[in-house]
């Protein structure tokens, strides 16, 4: 059975890009007789606003979507810690105190998320108290051997997590203990997700998530990276840029079902285009 999910973070309102992503996940599940899940990713520290989750539910209902809700990330802190401890015990994590400025100054390459961490603290035995913990990707790949993963639009992929450097899996910030990469990998397995649908901007992250699945002995999923919605400047719609919210449209009396039909047909509002 195909199981998809929509997993927004309650740190700001949903916009058209979120609507399109939710519709893709919903429709792929329903077309295949499967299940569409809603998961609230609420471990973003002080930025998480619990009241936003109700707005998300109202937005999805306004679009005419039907879903099953699964436990929010905040209920799974112990599971993330257990996974991290497993990787530490296997010698695959190392502590790191580097700041973003230090990483930017030392980096020799740039990846999708900015300067690639150059491994400064690897093998140095940095005091772990209050430090972040990074995955030693080279050592992890030495143990797993070559890996592949499959995307429904792009086909079979050779996993290349090393292109992003050694990622943080356990943050310094006690309010946000697990990184997105660790939390989402553990969550998808716990929720029985079989098909991960998300924008093409997260395509590079799937290389790392495939590696984490292997290291943690979790099911190997299939991915479906859909096109992004771009604004008039060619930028991805984003909360931080104040992209118009679904809630504003909903409260103004717009027809959410009609909007969903238009998005399915590729009819986008003026100034919005599809990108990759």
C-alpha atoms as a PDB file:
ATOM      1  CA  UNK A   1       0.000   0.000   0.000  1.00  0.00           C
ATOM      2  CA  UNK A   2       1.246   3.478  -0.882  1.00  0.00           C
ATOM      3  CA  UNK A   3       1.534   5.763   2.157  1.00  0.00           C
ATOM      4  CA  UNK A   4       2.456   9.416   1.662  1.00  0.00           C
ATOM      5  CA  UNK A   5       2.688  12.310   4.083  1.00  0.00           C
ATOM      6  CA  UNK A   6       2.566  16.092   4.292  1.00  0.00           C
ATOM      7  CA  UNK A   7       4.766  17.328   7.130  1.00  0.00           C
ATOM      8  CA  UNK A   8       4.676  21.098   7.684  1.00  0.00           C
ATOM      9  CA  UNK A   9       6.467  22.960  10.458  1.00  0.00           C
ATOM     10  CA  UNK A  10       4.261  25.297  12.534  1.00  0.00           C
ATOM     11  CA  UNK A  11       6.606  28.265  12.251  1.00  0.00           C
ATOM     12  CA  UNK A  12       4.498  30.248   9.794  1.00  0.00           C
ATOM     13  CA  UNK A  13       1.433  29.997   7.560  1.00  0.00           C
ATOM     14  CA  UNK A  14       1.122  27.675   4.579  1.00  0.00           C
ATOM     15  CA  UNK A  15       1.312  29.138   1.066  1.00  0.00           C
ATOM     16  CA  UNK A  16       0.597  27.948  -2.476  1.00  0.00           C
ATOM     17  CA  UNK A  17       3.781  25.885  -2.572  1.00  0.00           C
ATOM     18  CA  UNK A  18       2.608  23.954   0.453  1.00  0.00           C
ATOM     19  CA  UNK A  19      -0.827  23.518  -1.115  1.00  0.00           C
ATOM     20  CA  UNK A  20       0.698  22.032  -4.255  1.00  0.00           C
ATOM     21  CA  UNK A  21       2.955  19.711  -2.235  1.00  0.00           C
ATOM     22  CA  UNK A  22       0.047  18.499  -0.092  1.00  0.00           C
ATOM     23  CA  UNK A  23      -2.114  17.908  -3.170  1.00  0.00           C
ATOM     24  CA  UNK A  24       0.625  15.872  -4.872  1.00  0.00           C
ATOM     25  CA  UNK A  25       1.056  13.669  -1.798  1.00  0.00           C
ATOM     26  CA  UNK A  26      -2.715  13.339  -1.278  1.00  0.00           C
ATOM     27  CA  UNK A  27      -3.504  12.470  -4.878  1.00  0.00           C
ATOM     28  CA  UNK A  28      -0.709   9.936  -5.326  1.00  0.00           C
ATOM     29  CA  UNK A  29      -1.900   8.079  -2.242  1.00  0.00           C
ATOM     30  CA  UNK A  30      -5.582   8.184  -3.182  1.00  0.00           C
ATOM     31  CA  UNK A  31      -4.965   7.158  -6.818  1.00  0.00           C
ATOM     32  CA  UNK A  32      -3.169   4.056  -5.562  1.00  0.00           C
ATOM     33  CA  UNK A  33      -5.682   3.123  -2.887  1.00  0.00           C
ATOM     34  CA  UNK A  34      -3.310   4.195  -0.143  1.00  0.00           C
ATOM     35  CA  UNK A  35      -3.146   6.546   2.837  1.00  0.00           C
ATOM     36  CA  UNK A  36      -2.284  10.236   3.091  1.00  0.00           C
ATOM     37  CA  UNK A  37      -0.847  11.321   6.450  1.00  0.00           C
ATOM     38  CA  UNK A  38      -0.448  14.686   8.162  1.00  0.00           C
ATOM     39  CA  UNK A  39       2.516  15.029  10.522  1.00  0.00           C
ATOM     40  CA  UNK A  40       3.298  18.257  12.363  1.00  0.00           C
ATOM     41  CA  UNK A  41       7.070  18.810  12.542  1.00  0.00           C
ATOM     42  CA  UNK A  42       7.130  20.872  15.727  1.00  0.00           C
ATOM     43  CA  UNK A  43      10.655  20.632  17.134  1.00  0.00           C
ATOM     44  CA  UNK A  44      11.906  23.948  15.788  1.00  0.00           C
ATOM     45  CA  UNK A  45      12.411  25.394  19.257  1.00  0.00           C
ATOM     46  CA  UNK A  46      10.894  28.780  19.991  1.00  0.00           C
ATOM     47  CA  UNK A  47       9.910  29.210  16.341  1.00  0.00           C
ATOM     48  CA  UNK A  48       7.269  26.467  16.617  1.00  0.00           C
ATOM     49  CA  UNK A  49       3.823  27.903  17.292  1.00  0.00           C
ATOM     50  CA  UNK A  50       1.323  25.230  18.376  1.00  0.00           C
ATOM     51  CA  UNK A  51      -1.668  27.293  17.248  1.00  0.00           C
ATOM     52  CA  UNK A  52      -0.461  27.109  13.637  1.00  0.00           C
ATOM     53  CA  UNK A  53      -1.275  23.387  13.471  1.00  0.00           C
ATOM     54  CA  UNK A  54      -4.987  24.165  13.655  1.00  0.00           C
ATOM     55  CA  UNK A  55      -4.558  26.629  10.801  1.00  0.00           C
ATOM     56  CA  UNK A  56      -2.877  23.897   8.754  1.00  0.00           C
ATOM     57  CA  UNK A  57      -5.775  21.518   9.334  1.00  0.00           C
ATOM     58  CA  UNK A  58      -8.238  24.211   8.302  1.00  0.00           C
ATOM     59  CA  UNK A  59      -6.210  24.930   5.152  1.00  0.00           C
ATOM     60  CA  UNK A  60      -6.125  21.259   4.102  1.00  0.00           C
ATOM     61  CA  UNK A  61      -9.865  20.868   4.681  1.00  0.00           C
ATOM     62  CA  UNK A  62     -10.467  24.070   2.674  1.00  0.00           C
ATOM     63  CA  UNK A  63      -8.543  22.488  -0.229  1.00  0.00           C
ATOM     64  CA  UNK A  64     -10.804  19.436  -0.011  1.00  0.00           C
ATOM     65  CA  UNK A  65      -8.115  17.012   1.149  1.00  0.00           C
ATOM     66  CA  UNK A  66      -8.681  14.059   3.471  1.00  0.00           C
ATOM     67  CA  UNK A  67      -5.954  12.802   5.779  1.00  0.00           C
ATOM     68  CA  UNK A  68      -4.996  10.752   8.797  1.00  0.00           C
ATOM     69  CA  UNK A  69      -2.973  12.562  11.433  1.00  0.00           C
ATOM     70  CA  UNK A  70       0.012  10.839  13.033  1.00  0.00           C
ATOM     71  CA  UNK A  71       1.946  11.853  16.173  1.00  0.00           C
ATOM     72  CA  UNK A  72       3.818  15.140  15.984  1.00  0.00           C
ATOM     73  CA  UNK A  73       7.597  15.215  16.164  1.00  0.00           C
ATOM     74  CA  UNK A  74       7.535  16.563  19.710  1.00  0.00           C
ATOM     75  CA  UNK A  75       6.239  13.160  20.867  1.00  0.00           C
ATOM     76  CA  UNK A  76       9.273  11.367  19.430  1.00  0.00           C
ATOM     77  CA  UNK A  77      12.235  13.016  21.138  1.00  0.00           C
ATOM     78  CA  UNK A  78      13.170   9.733  22.836  1.00  0.00           C
ATOM     79  CA  UNK A  79      13.177   7.884  19.499  1.00  0.00           C
ATOM     80  CA  UNK A  80      15.545  10.445  17.971  1.00  0.00           C
ATOM     81  CA  UNK A  81      17.846  10.195  20.986  1.00  0.00           C
ATOM     82  CA  UNK A  82      17.849   6.404  20.764  1.00  0.00           C
ATOM     83  CA  UNK A  83      18.805   6.505  17.086  1.00  0.00           C
ATOM     84  CA  UNK A  84      21.569   9.015  17.782  1.00  0.00           C
ATOM     85  CA  UNK A  85      22.945   6.922  20.634  1.00  0.00           C
ATOM     86  CA  UNK A  86      23.030   3.903  18.338  1.00  0.00           C
ATOM     87  CA  UNK A  87      25.136   5.813  15.820  1.00  0.00           C
ATOM     88  CA  UNK A  88      27.407   7.146  18.568  1.00  0.00           C
ATOM     89  CA  UNK A  89      27.938   3.633  19.931  1.00  0.00           C
ATOM     90  CA  UNK A  90      28.964   2.509  16.469  1.00  0.00           C
ATOM     91  CA  UNK A  91      31.527   5.279  16.235  1.00  0.00           C
ATOM     92  CA  UNK A  92      29.737   7.089  13.430  1.00  0.00           C
ATOM     93  CA  UNK A  93      29.107  10.436  15.142  1.00  0.00           C
ATOM     94  CA  UNK A  94      31.657  12.950  16.366  1.00  0.00           C
ATOM     95  CA  UNK A  95      31.228  16.104  18.426  1.00  0.00           C
ATOM     96  CA  UNK A  96      31.706  19.502  16.819  1.00  0.00           C
ATOM     97  CA  UNK A  97      31.821  23.074  18.137  1.00  0.00           C
ATOM     98  CA  UNK A  98      32.396  24.901  14.853  1.00  0.00           C
ATOM     99  CA  UNK A  99      30.314  28.016  14.267  1.00  0.00           C
ATOM    100  CA  UNK A 100      28.695  28.872  10.950  1.00  0.00           C
ATOM    101  CA  UNK A 101      31.263  31.618  10.463  1.00  0.00           C
ATOM    102  CA  UNK A 102      34.158  29.233  11.038  1.00  0.00           C
ATOM    103  CA  UNK A 103      32.660  26.723   8.615  1.00  0.00           C
ATOM    104  CA  UNK A 104      32.161  29.385   5.944  1.00  0.00           C
ATOM    105  CA  UNK A 105      35.774  30.543   6.362  1.00  0.00           C
ATOM    106  CA  UNK A 106      37.225  27.024   6.172  1.00  0.00           C
ATOM    107  CA  UNK A 107      34.971  25.503   3.515  1.00  0.00           C
ATOM    108  CA  UNK A 108      36.433  24.841   0.086  1.00  0.00           C
ATOM    109  CA  UNK A 109      33.190  23.795  -1.622  1.00  0.00           C
ATOM    110  CA  UNK A 110      29.586  24.937  -1.589  1.00  0.00           C
ATOM    111  CA  UNK A 111      26.658  22.533  -1.542  1.00  0.00           C
ATOM    112  CA  UNK A 112      22.886  22.945  -1.797  1.00  0.00           C
ATOM    113  CA  UNK A 113      22.703  24.170   1.804  1.00  0.00           C
ATOM    114  CA  UNK A 114      25.691  26.520   1.620  1.00  0.00           C
ATOM    115  CA  UNK A 115      29.361  25.997   2.553  1.00  0.00           C
ATOM    116  CA  UNK A 116      30.185  22.308   2.943  1.00  0.00           C
ATOM    117  CA  UNK A 117      31.588  21.441   6.354  1.00  0.00           C
ATOM    118  CA  UNK A 118      35.276  20.519   5.835  1.00  0.00           C
ATOM    119  CA  UNK A 119      35.531  17.999   8.695  1.00  0.00           C
ATOM    120  CA  UNK A 120      37.430  20.297  11.035  1.00  0.00           C
ATOM    121  CA  UNK A 121      36.466  18.440  14.239  1.00  0.00           C
ATOM    122  CA  UNK A 122      36.568  14.911  12.831  1.00  0.00           C
ATOM    123  CA  UNK A 123      39.032  12.832  14.844  1.00  0.00           C
ATOM    124  CA  UNK A 124      39.868  15.645  17.290  1.00  0.00           C
ATOM    125  CA  UNK A 125      37.944  14.343  20.295  1.00  0.00           C
ATOM    126  CA  UNK A 126      36.144  17.632  20.925  1.00  0.00           C
ATOM    127  CA  UNK A 127      34.543  17.914  24.386  1.00  0.00           C
ATOM    128  CA  UNK A 128      30.962  16.754  23.717  1.00  0.00           C
ATOM    129  CA  UNK A 129      29.370  18.862  26.464  1.00  0.00           C
ATOM    130  CA  UNK A 130      27.083  21.309  24.688  1.00  0.00           C
ATOM    131  CA  UNK A 131      28.452  20.357  21.273  1.00  0.00           C
ATOM    132  CA  UNK A 132      26.654  19.272  18.111  1.00  0.00           C
ATOM    133  CA  UNK A 133      27.142  15.742  16.775  1.00  0.00           C
ATOM    134  CA  UNK A 134      27.984  15.150  13.117  1.00  0.00           C
ATOM    135  CA  UNK A 135      27.814  12.001  11.018  1.00  0.00           C
ATOM    136  CA  UNK A 136      31.147  10.764   9.673  1.00  0.00           C
ATOM    137  CA  UNK A 137      29.846  10.148   6.168  1.00  0.00           C
ATOM    138  CA  UNK A 138      33.052   8.648   4.779  1.00  0.00           C
ATOM    139  CA  UNK A 139      33.197   6.062   7.566  1.00  0.00           C
ATOM    140  CA  UNK A 140      29.484   5.344   7.209  1.00  0.00           C
ATOM    141  CA  UNK A 141      29.845   4.695   3.488  1.00  0.00           C
ATOM    142  CA  UNK A 142      32.892   2.520   4.093  1.00  0.00           C
ATOM    143  CA  UNK A 143      30.694   0.281   6.218  1.00  0.00           C
ATOM    144  CA  UNK A 144      27.597   0.264   4.020  1.00  0.00           C
ATOM    145  CA  UNK A 145      29.238   0.115   0.619  1.00  0.00           C
ATOM    146  CA  UNK A 146      27.571   1.695  -2.444  1.00  0.00           C
ATOM    147  CA  UNK A 147      23.888   2.539  -2.058  1.00  0.00           C
ATOM    148  CA  UNK A 148      21.142   3.464  -4.485  1.00  0.00           C
ATOM    149  CA  UNK A 149      17.698   4.999  -4.182  1.00  0.00           C
ATOM    150  CA  UNK A 150      14.800   5.524  -6.560  1.00  0.00           C
ATOM    151  CA  UNK A 151      12.877   8.649  -7.509  1.00  0.00           C
ATOM    152  CA  UNK A 152       9.641   8.251  -9.463  1.00  0.00           C
ATOM    153  CA  UNK A 153      10.456  11.199 -11.722  1.00  0.00           C
ATOM    154  CA  UNK A 154      14.262  11.043 -11.958  1.00  0.00           C
ATOM    155  CA  UNK A 155      14.777   7.264 -11.852  1.00  0.00           C
ATOM    156  CA  UNK A 156      17.453   5.231 -10.083  1.00  0.00           C
ATOM    157  CA  UNK A 157      20.097   7.241  -8.228  1.00  0.00           C
ATOM    158  CA  UNK A 158      23.518   6.375  -6.855  1.00  0.00           C
ATOM    159  CA  UNK A 159      23.587   7.711  -3.291  1.00  0.00           C
ATOM    160  CA  UNK A 160      26.179  10.500  -2.947  1.00  0.00           C
ATOM    161  CA  UNK A 161      25.744  11.843   0.610  1.00  0.00           C
ATOM    162  CA  UNK A 162      29.411  12.810   0.745  1.00  0.00           C
ATOM    163  CA  UNK A 163      28.662  15.782  -1.541  1.00  0.00           C
ATOM    164  CA  UNK A 164      27.031  17.554   1.385  1.00  0.00           C
ATOM    165  CA  UNK A 165      29.823  16.955   3.889  1.00  0.00           C
ATOM    166  CA  UNK A 166      29.322  15.611   7.415  1.00  0.00           C
ATOM    167  CA  UNK A 167      25.858  16.800   8.512  1.00  0.00           C
ATOM    168  CA  UNK A 168      24.754  17.668  12.033  1.00  0.00           C
ATOM    169  CA  UNK A 169      22.358  15.009  13.329  1.00  0.00           C
ATOM    170  CA  UNK A 170      22.154  16.167  16.960  1.00  0.00           C
ATOM    171  CA  UNK A 171      22.044  19.915  17.490  1.00  0.00           C
ATOM    172  CA  UNK A 172      23.681  21.970  20.228  1.00  0.00           C
ATOM    173  CA  UNK A 173      20.315  23.542  20.997  1.00  0.00           C
ATOM    174  CA  UNK A 174      18.508  21.452  23.603  1.00  0.00           C
ATOM    175  CA  UNK A 175      15.179  22.875  22.386  1.00  0.00           C
ATOM    176  CA  UNK A 176      15.776  21.364  18.940  1.00  0.00           C
ATOM    177  CA  UNK A 177      17.645  18.134  19.738  1.00  0.00           C
ATOM    178  CA  UNK A 178      17.441  16.320  16.400  1.00  0.00           C
ATOM    179  CA  UNK A 179      18.250  17.701  12.976  1.00  0.00           C
ATOM    180  CA  UNK A 180      15.697  17.598  10.184  1.00  0.00           C
ATOM    181  CA  UNK A 181      17.644  14.752   8.550  1.00  0.00           C
ATOM    182  CA  UNK A 182      17.567  12.439  11.549  1.00  0.00           C
ATOM    183  CA  UNK A 183      14.023  13.279  12.635  1.00  0.00           C
ATOM    184  CA  UNK A 184      12.386  12.884   9.238  1.00  0.00           C
ATOM    185  CA  UNK A 185      14.114   9.567   8.572  1.00  0.00           C
ATOM    186  CA  UNK A 186      13.001   8.137  11.914  1.00  0.00           C
ATOM    187  CA  UNK A 187       9.498   9.593  11.495  1.00  0.00           C
ATOM    188  CA  UNK A 188       8.884   8.187   8.028  1.00  0.00           C
ATOM    189  CA  UNK A 189       9.806   4.703   9.183  1.00  0.00           C
ATOM    190  CA  UNK A 190       7.652   4.979  12.321  1.00  0.00           C
ATOM    191  CA  UNK A 191       4.662   6.211  10.313  1.00  0.00           C
ATOM    192  CA  UNK A 192       4.929   3.492   7.678  1.00  0.00           C
ATOM    193  CA  UNK A 193       5.520   5.963   4.847  1.00  0.00           C
ATOM    194  CA  UNK A 194       6.421   4.233   1.594  1.00  0.00           C
ATOM    195  CA  UNK A 195       6.561   7.191  -0.823  1.00  0.00           C
ATOM    196  CA  UNK A 196       8.205  10.477   0.182  1.00  0.00           C
ATOM    197  CA  UNK A 197       6.809  13.365  -1.848  1.00  0.00           C
ATOM    198  CA  UNK A 198       8.517  16.755  -1.615  1.00  0.00           C
ATOM    199  CA  UNK A 199       9.978  19.543  -3.719  1.00  0.00           C
ATOM    200  CA  UNK A 200      13.046  19.208  -5.881  1.00  0.00           C
ATOM    201  CA  UNK A 201      14.922  21.557  -3.543  1.00  0.00           C
ATOM    202  CA  UNK A 202      15.193  18.606  -1.150  1.00  0.00           C
ATOM    203  CA  UNK A 203      16.531  16.195  -3.773  1.00  0.00           C
ATOM    204  CA  UNK A 204      20.107  16.399  -2.390  1.00  0.00           C
ATOM    205  CA  UNK A 205      18.879  15.527   1.118  1.00  0.00           C
ATOM    206  CA  UNK A 206      17.555  12.189  -0.133  1.00  0.00           C
ATOM    207  CA  UNK A 207      21.121  10.950  -0.658  1.00  0.00           C
ATOM    208  CA  UNK A 208      21.760  11.395   3.065  1.00  0.00           C
ATOM    209  CA  UNK A 209      18.372  10.005   4.097  1.00  0.00           C
ATOM    210  CA  UNK A 210      19.059   6.842   2.117  1.00  0.00           C
ATOM    211  CA  UNK A 211      22.327   6.439   4.041  1.00  0.00           C
ATOM    212  CA  UNK A 212      20.574   6.953   7.377  1.00  0.00           C
ATOM    213  CA  UNK A 213      17.977   4.333   6.478  1.00  0.00           C
ATOM    214  CA  UNK A 214      20.780   1.867   5.894  1.00  0.00           C
ATOM    215  CA  UNK A 215      22.669   2.732   9.079  1.00  0.00           C
ATOM    216  CA  UNK A 216      19.551   2.497  11.244  1.00  0.00           C
ATOM    217  CA  UNK A 217      18.202  -0.639   9.522  1.00  0.00           C
ATOM    218  CA  UNK A 218      15.029   1.187   8.434  1.00  0.00           C
ATOM    219  CA  UNK A 219      12.881   0.434   5.368  1.00  0.00           C
ATOM    220  CA  UNK A 220      14.107   1.828   2.057  1.00  0.00           C
ATOM    221  CA  UNK A 221      11.500   4.232   0.687  1.00  0.00           C
ATOM    222  CA  UNK A 222      10.759   5.548  -2.789  1.00  0.00           C
ATOM    223  CA  UNK A 223      10.909   9.302  -3.438  1.00  0.00           C
ATOM    224  CA  UNK A 224       8.886  11.593  -5.687  1.00  0.00           C
ATOM    225  CA  UNK A 225      10.413  15.064  -5.990  1.00  0.00           C
ATOM    226  CA  UNK A 226       7.888  17.402  -7.587  1.00  0.00           C
ATOM    227  CA  UNK A 227       8.471  20.806  -9.230  1.00  0.00           C
ATOM    228  CA  UNK A 228       8.567  23.914  -7.064  1.00  0.00           C
ATOM    229  CA  UNK A 229       6.296  26.916  -7.375  1.00  0.00           C
ATOM    230  CA  UNK A 230       8.262  30.114  -8.041  1.00  0.00           C
ATOM    231  CA  UNK A 231       7.351  33.767  -7.582  1.00  0.00           C
ATOM    232  CA  UNK A 232       7.727  36.563 -10.131  1.00  0.00           C
ATOM    233  CA  UNK A 233      11.438  36.855  -9.273  1.00  0.00           C
ATOM    234  CA  UNK A 234      12.008  33.145  -9.919  1.00  0.00           C
ATOM    235  CA  UNK A 235      12.407  32.447  -6.206  1.00  0.00           C
ATOM    236  CA  UNK A 236      10.839  29.510  -4.394  1.00  0.00           C
ATOM    237  CA  UNK A 237       7.719  30.461  -2.476  1.00  0.00           C
ATOM    238  CA  UNK A 238       8.717  30.623   1.190  1.00  0.00           C
ATOM    239  CA  UNK A 239       7.359  31.673   4.561  1.00  0.00           C
ATOM    240  CA  UNK A 240      10.423  33.807   5.238  1.00  0.00           C
ATOM    241  CA  UNK A 241       9.767  35.897   2.111  1.00  0.00           C
ATOM    242  CA  UNK A 242       6.157  36.496   3.102  1.00  0.00           C
ATOM    243  CA  UNK A 243       4.561  34.510   0.288  1.00  0.00           C
ATOM    244  CA  UNK A 244       0.734  35.007   0.410  1.00  0.00           C
ATOM    245  CA  UNK A 245      -0.802  32.528   2.821  1.00  0.00           C
ATOM    246  CA  UNK A 246      -3.559  30.003   2.284  1.00  0.00           C
ATOM    247  CA  UNK A 247      -5.211  31.257   5.472  1.00  0.00           C
ATOM    248  CA  UNK A 248      -5.547  34.745   3.992  1.00  0.00           C
ATOM    249  CA  UNK A 249      -7.205  33.328   0.890  1.00  0.00           C
ATOM    250  CA  UNK A 250      -9.432  31.071   2.965  1.00  0.00           C
ATOM    251  CA  UNK A 251     -10.557  33.849   5.308  1.00  0.00           C
ATOM    252  CA  UNK A 252     -11.185  36.138   2.334  1.00  0.00           C
ATOM    253  CA  UNK A 253     -13.761  33.657   1.068  1.00  0.00           C
ATOM    254  CA  UNK A 254     -11.799  32.159  -1.838  1.00  0.00           C
ATOM    255  CA  UNK A 255     -12.878  28.715  -3.074  1.00  0.00           C
ATOM    256  CA  UNK A 256     -10.255  26.252  -1.850  1.00  0.00           C
ATOM    257  CA  UNK A 257     -11.667  23.340  -3.866  1.00  0.00           C
ATOM    258  CA  UNK A 258     -11.435  25.418  -7.044  1.00  0.00           C
ATOM    259  CA  UNK A 259      -7.858  26.388  -6.177  1.00  0.00           C
ATOM    260  CA  UNK A 260      -6.960  22.703  -5.752  1.00  0.00           C
ATOM    261  CA  UNK A 261      -8.502  21.859  -9.117  1.00  0.00           C
ATOM    262  CA  UNK A 262      -6.499  24.666 -10.752  1.00  0.00           C
ATOM    263  CA  UNK A 263      -3.241  23.550  -9.157  1.00  0.00           C
ATOM    264  CA  UNK A 264      -3.828  19.983 -10.338  1.00  0.00           C
ATOM    265  CA  UNK A 265      -4.344  21.274 -13.873  1.00  0.00           C
ATOM    266  CA  UNK A 266      -1.225  23.451 -13.716  1.00  0.00           C
ATOM    267  CA  UNK A 267      -3.219  26.696 -13.804  1.00  0.00           C
ATOM    268  CA  UNK A 268      -1.285  28.979 -11.489  1.00  0.00           C
ATOM    269  CA  UNK A 269      -2.151  32.455 -10.228  1.00  0.00           C
ATOM    270  CA  UNK A 270      -0.589  35.435 -12.024  1.00  0.00           C
ATOM    271  CA  UNK A 271       3.109  35.765 -11.268  1.00  0.00           C
ATOM    272  CA  UNK A 272       3.532  32.149 -10.146  1.00  0.00           C
ATOM    273  CA  UNK A 273       5.329  29.584 -12.313  1.00  0.00           C
ATOM    274  CA  UNK A 274       6.585  26.024 -12.037  1.00  0.00           C
ATOM    275  CA  UNK A 275      10.291  25.496 -11.639  1.00  0.00           C
ATOM    276  CA  UNK A 276      12.501  22.502 -10.890  1.00  0.00           C
END
